[in-house]
């Protein structure tokens, strides 16, 4: 499977399309992600729910990445997976793979994921 750039697909980044922050964040990075072989879709797309076979309430709790081998990666691990595969972002991966920093990214991500709608509302970020 290839995307328009001719690169092999490395995975699908799946995000909450109802979250203003998530929508803007992923769309800001869309050109970079696509250049490096990642496709983008919202968690609300019908094929996502059908493929992942998760209840909607559980599905939208995290950003997710579906690999071509059908491995599902969730939460902070999505950022680590992507940054490991983009050469100039690999220092981020290297730092946040270290034990103390790895815990920090997971705890920070979990806090933000639980509060993302409040952040989006406070900043006036509407989904795109």
Foldseek 3Di string as FASTA:
>chain_A
DADPLRDAAFWEWEAALFFLVGQVVCVVCVVVCVNLRYHYDYCPDPVNCVLVVDPPVVSHLFTWIQGPVRDIDTWLVVVLVSLCSPVVSVVVNVVCVDVVNVVVRRVVRNVCSVCRNVVCVVVVGGRD
